[in-house]
Amino acid sequence: MTNRNRIVTPYTDPDRFSPGEKSVYDSGRCCWDLGDSDWGQADTMCKQPSKPGATFGYCVVHEHRLLEDHWPDGSPRR
């Protein structure tokens, strides 16, 4: 059984973060992909301050958005 409420970080799940996302995470910023880049281009990330203890290091807004349909570990709620 998995722990759906576990917090995901580049140190618990390194395969779920690109080097760029890890760098943004390590700077205390939100690495949510804003989705405005074409395939193969660098991601544009939110980079607002991370919410302390938020899964994936997301800011308050993006952690809330994730948790609407997903568990903190990123798995779907449905």
N, C-alpha and C. Protein backbone atom coordinates (compact mmCIF):
# COMPACT_ATOMS: atom_id res chain seq x y z
N MET A 1 0.85 -1.18 0.00
CA MET A 1 0.00 0.00 0.00
C MET A 1 0.89 1.25 0.00
N THR A 2 0.54 2.20 -0.81
CA THR A 2 1.33 3.43 -0.88
C THR A 2 0.75 4.47 0.06
N ASN A 3 1.60 5.41 0.44
CA ASN A 3 1.17 6.51 1.29
C ASN A 3 0.84 7.69 0.40
N ARG A 4 -0.41 7.86 0.07
CA ARG A 4 -0.84 8.92 -0.84
C ARG A 4 -0.62 10.31 -0.26
N ASN A 5 -0.47 10.43 1.05
CA ASN A 5 -0.29 11.73 1.69
C ASN A 5 1.17 12.12 1.86
N ARG A 6 2.09 11.34 1.33
CA ARG A 6 3.50 11.68 1.50
C ARG A 6 3.87 12.87 0.62
N ILE A 7 4.81 13.66 1.11
CA ILE A 7 5.28 14.85 0.41
C ILE A 7 6.38 14.43 -0.57
N VAL A 8 6.25 14.86 -1.81
CA VAL A 8 7.21 14.52 -2.86
C VAL A 8 8.22 15.66 -3.00
N THR A 9 9.49 15.29 -2.98
CA THR A 9 10.58 16.25 -3.17
C THR A 9 11.60 15.63 -4.13
N PRO A 10 12.55 16.42 -4.62
CA PRO A 10 13.59 15.84 -5.47
C PRO A 10 14.48 14.85 -4.72
N TYR A 11 14.39 14.84 -3.40
CA TYR A 11 15.23 13.95 -2.60
C TYR A 11 14.51 12.66 -2.25
N THR A 12 13.18 12.67 -2.25
CA THR A 12 12.42 11.44 -2.03
C THR A 12 12.10 10.74 -3.35
N ASP A 13 11.95 11.51 -4.43
CA ASP A 13 11.57 10.99 -5.74
C ASP A 13 12.35 11.71 -6.84
N PRO A 14 13.65 11.49 -6.93
CA PRO A 14 14.46 12.25 -7.89
C PRO A 14 14.04 12.06 -9.34
N ASP A 15 13.44 10.92 -9.67
CA ASP A 15 13.03 10.65 -11.05
C ASP A 15 11.81 11.48 -11.47
N ARG A 16 11.18 12.17 -10.54
CA ARG A 16 10.00 12.97 -10.87
C ARG A 16 10.32 14.45 -11.09
N PHE A 17 11.61 14.79 -11.04
CA PHE A 17 12.04 16.18 -11.20
C PHE A 17 13.13 16.27 -12.26
N SER A 18 12.99 17.23 -13.14
CA SER A 18 14.07 17.51 -14.09
C SER A 18 15.14 18.29 -13.34
N PRO A 19 16.35 18.38 -13.90
CA PRO A 19 17.38 19.20 -13.24
C PRO A 19 16.93 20.65 -13.02
N GLY A 20 16.19 21.21 -13.98
CA GLY A 20 15.69 22.57 -13.83
C GLY A 20 14.68 22.69 -12.70
N GLU A 21 13.78 21.71 -12.61
CA GLU A 21 12.78 21.72 -11.53
C GLU A 21 13.45 21.58 -10.17
N LYS A 22 14.46 20.72 -10.09
CA LYS A 22 15.19 20.56 -8.83
C LYS A 22 15.87 21.86 -8.43
N SER A 23 16.47 22.53 -9.38
CA SER A 23 17.13 23.80 -9.11
C SER A 23 16.15 24.84 -8.57
N VAL A 24 14.98 24.93 -9.19
CA VAL A 24 13.95 25.87 -8.74
C VAL A 24 13.46 25.46 -7.35
N TYR A 25 13.22 24.16 -7.14
CA TYR A 25 12.82 23.65 -5.83
C TYR A 25 13.85 24.05 -4.78
N ASP A 26 15.12 23.81 -5.07
CA ASP A 26 16.19 24.10 -4.12
C ASP A 26 16.31 25.59 -3.80
N SER A 27 15.82 26.45 -4.70
CA SER A 27 15.86 27.89 -4.44
C SER A 27 14.65 28.36 -3.63
N GLY A 28 13.77 27.41 -3.25
CA GLY A 28 12.59 27.77 -2.46
C GLY A 28 11.47 28.36 -3.28
N ARG A 29 11.46 28.02 -4.56
CA ARG A 29 10.46 28.54 -5.49
C ARG A 29 9.60 27.41 -6.05
N CYS A 30 8.42 27.75 -6.51
CA CYS A 30 7.46 26.81 -7.09
C CYS A 30 7.92 26.38 -8.49
N CYS A 31 7.97 25.07 -8.71
CA CYS A 31 8.41 24.55 -10.01
C CYS A 31 7.23 24.08 -10.86
N TRP A 32 6.01 24.55 -10.57
CA TRP A 32 4.83 24.21 -11.38
C TRP A 32 5.09 24.63 -12.81
N ASP A 33 4.89 23.73 -13.74
CA ASP A 33 5.05 24.01 -15.17
C ASP A 33 3.84 24.79 -15.66
N LEU A 34 4.07 26.00 -16.13
CA LEU A 34 2.97 26.85 -16.58
C LEU A 34 2.41 26.42 -17.93
N GLY A 35 3.09 25.51 -18.63
CA GLY A 35 2.55 24.93 -19.86
C GLY A 35 2.51 25.88 -21.04
N ASP A 36 3.38 26.88 -21.05
CA ASP A 36 3.35 27.84 -22.16
C ASP A 36 4.50 27.63 -23.15
N SER A 37 5.23 26.53 -23.01
CA SER A 37 6.34 26.24 -23.92
C SER A 37 5.95 25.15 -24.90
N ASP A 38 6.52 25.19 -26.09
CA ASP A 38 6.31 24.13 -27.07
C ASP A 38 7.13 22.91 -26.67
N TRP A 39 6.74 21.77 -27.20
CA TRP A 39 7.44 20.52 -26.94
C TRP A 39 8.93 20.68 -27.26
N GLY A 40 9.78 20.25 -26.34
CA GLY A 40 11.22 20.31 -26.56
C GLY A 40 11.86 21.60 -26.06
N GLN A 41 11.06 22.59 -25.71
CA GLN A 41 11.61 23.83 -25.16
C GLN A 41 11.64 23.74 -23.64
N ALA A 42 12.45 24.60 -23.03
CA ALA A 42 12.54 24.61 -21.58
C ALA A 42 11.19 25.00 -20.96
N ASP A 43 10.87 24.36 -19.85
CA ASP A 43 9.64 24.68 -19.14
C ASP A 43 9.70 26.10 -18.58
N THR A 44 8.56 26.75 -18.56
CA THR A 44 8.42 28.01 -17.84
C THR A 44 7.75 27.65 -16.52
N MET A 45 8.42 27.91 -15.43
CA MET A 45 7.90 27.55 -14.12
C MET A 45 7.38 28.77 -13.38
N CYS A 46 6.49 28.54 -12.44
CA CYS A 46 5.84 29.59 -11.68
C CYS A 46 6.87 30.47 -10.94
N LYS A 47 7.72 29.87 -10.17
CA LYS A 47 8.80 30.53 -9.40
C LYS A 47 8.34 31.48 -8.31
N GLN A 48 7.06 31.39 -7.92
CA GLN A 48 6.61 32.11 -6.73
C GLN A 48 7.20 31.38 -5.51
N PRO A 49 7.29 32.03 -4.36
CA PRO A 49 7.83 31.34 -3.18
C PRO A 49 7.02 30.07 -2.87
N SER A 50 7.74 29.00 -2.55
CA SER A 50 7.09 27.74 -2.18
C SER A 50 6.37 27.88 -0.85
N LYS A 51 5.29 27.14 -0.71
CA LYS A 51 4.60 27.04 0.57
C LYS A 51 5.44 26.09 1.43
N PRO A 52 5.81 26.46 2.63
CA PRO A 52 6.58 25.55 3.48
C PRO A 52 5.89 24.20 3.64
N GLY A 53 6.60 23.13 3.35
CA GLY A 53 6.07 21.78 3.50
C GLY A 53 5.17 21.31 2.38
N ALA A 54 5.00 22.11 1.33
CA ALA A 54 4.12 21.71 0.23
C ALA A 54 4.75 20.61 -0.60
N THR A 55 3.93 19.68 -1.02
CA THR A 55 4.41 18.64 -1.90
C THR A 55 4.90 19.25 -3.22
N PHE A 56 5.93 18.70 -3.78
CA PHE A 56 6.58 19.17 -4.99
C PHE A 56 7.17 20.58 -4.83
N GLY A 57 7.10 21.16 -3.63
CA GLY A 57 7.61 22.51 -3.42
C GLY A 57 6.75 23.59 -4.07
N TYR A 58 5.48 23.28 -4.27
CA TYR A 58 4.59 24.22 -4.94
C TYR A 58 4.24 25.40 -4.04
N CYS A 59 3.84 26.51 -4.67
CA CYS A 59 3.32 27.67 -3.95
C CYS A 59 1.91 27.33 -3.46
N VAL A 60 1.32 28.20 -2.68
CA VAL A 60 -0.02 27.97 -2.13
C VAL A 60 -1.04 27.71 -3.24
N VAL A 61 -1.03 28.53 -4.27
CA VAL A 61 -2.01 28.40 -5.36
C VAL A 61 -1.87 27.07 -6.09
N HIS A 62 -0.63 26.70 -6.43
CA HIS A 62 -0.45 25.47 -7.22
C HIS A 62 -0.58 24.21 -6.38
N GLU A 63 -0.25 24.28 -5.09
CA GLU A 63 -0.52 23.12 -4.25
C GLU A 63 -2.04 22.90 -4.16
N HIS A 64 -2.79 23.97 -3.99
CA HIS A 64 -4.26 23.86 -3.94
C HIS A 64 -4.79 23.26 -5.25
N ARG A 65 -4.28 23.74 -6.37
CA ARG A 65 -4.72 23.23 -7.67
C ARG A 65 -4.43 21.74 -7.80
N LEU A 66 -3.22 21.32 -7.40
CA LEU A 66 -2.87 19.89 -7.44
C LEU A 66 -3.83 19.08 -6.59
N LEU A 67 -4.07 19.54 -5.36
CA LEU A 67 -4.86 18.76 -4.41
C LEU A 67 -6.34 18.71 -4.73
N GLU A 68 -6.80 19.51 -5.67
CA GLU A 68 -8.21 19.41 -6.10
C GLU A 68 -8.50 18.04 -6.70
N ASP A 69 -7.57 17.49 -7.45
CA ASP A 69 -7.80 16.22 -8.16
C ASP A 69 -6.77 15.13 -7.87
N HIS A 70 -5.75 15.45 -7.07
CA HIS A 70 -4.67 14.50 -6.81
C HIS A 70 -4.35 14.44 -5.32
N TRP A 71 -3.77 13.31 -4.91
CA TRP A 71 -3.24 13.19 -3.56
C TRP A 71 -1.90 13.90 -3.51
N PRO A 72 -1.38 14.20 -2.32
CA PRO A 72 -0.08 14.86 -2.24
C PRO A 72 1.06 14.14 -2.98
N ASP A 73 0.96 12.81 -3.12
CA ASP A 73 2.02 12.08 -3.85
C ASP A 73 1.85 12.19 -5.37
N GLY A 74 0.81 12.91 -5.82
CA GLY A 74 0.58 13.11 -7.25
C GLY A 74 -0.35 12.11 -7.90
N SER A 75 -0.77 11.08 -7.16
CA SER A 75 -1.69 10.10 -7.74
C SER A 75 -3.10 10.67 -7.81
N PRO A 76 -3.87 10.28 -8.85
CA PRO A 76 -5.25 10.81 -9.00
C PRO A 76 -6.14 10.39 -7.85
N ARG A 77 -7.05 11.26 -7.46
CA ARG A 77 -8.01 10.94 -6.39
C ARG A 77 -9.13 10.03 -6.89
N ARG A 78 -9.34 9.96 -8.17
CA ARG A 78 -10.46 9.14 -8.71
C ARG A 78 -9.97 7.82 -9.21
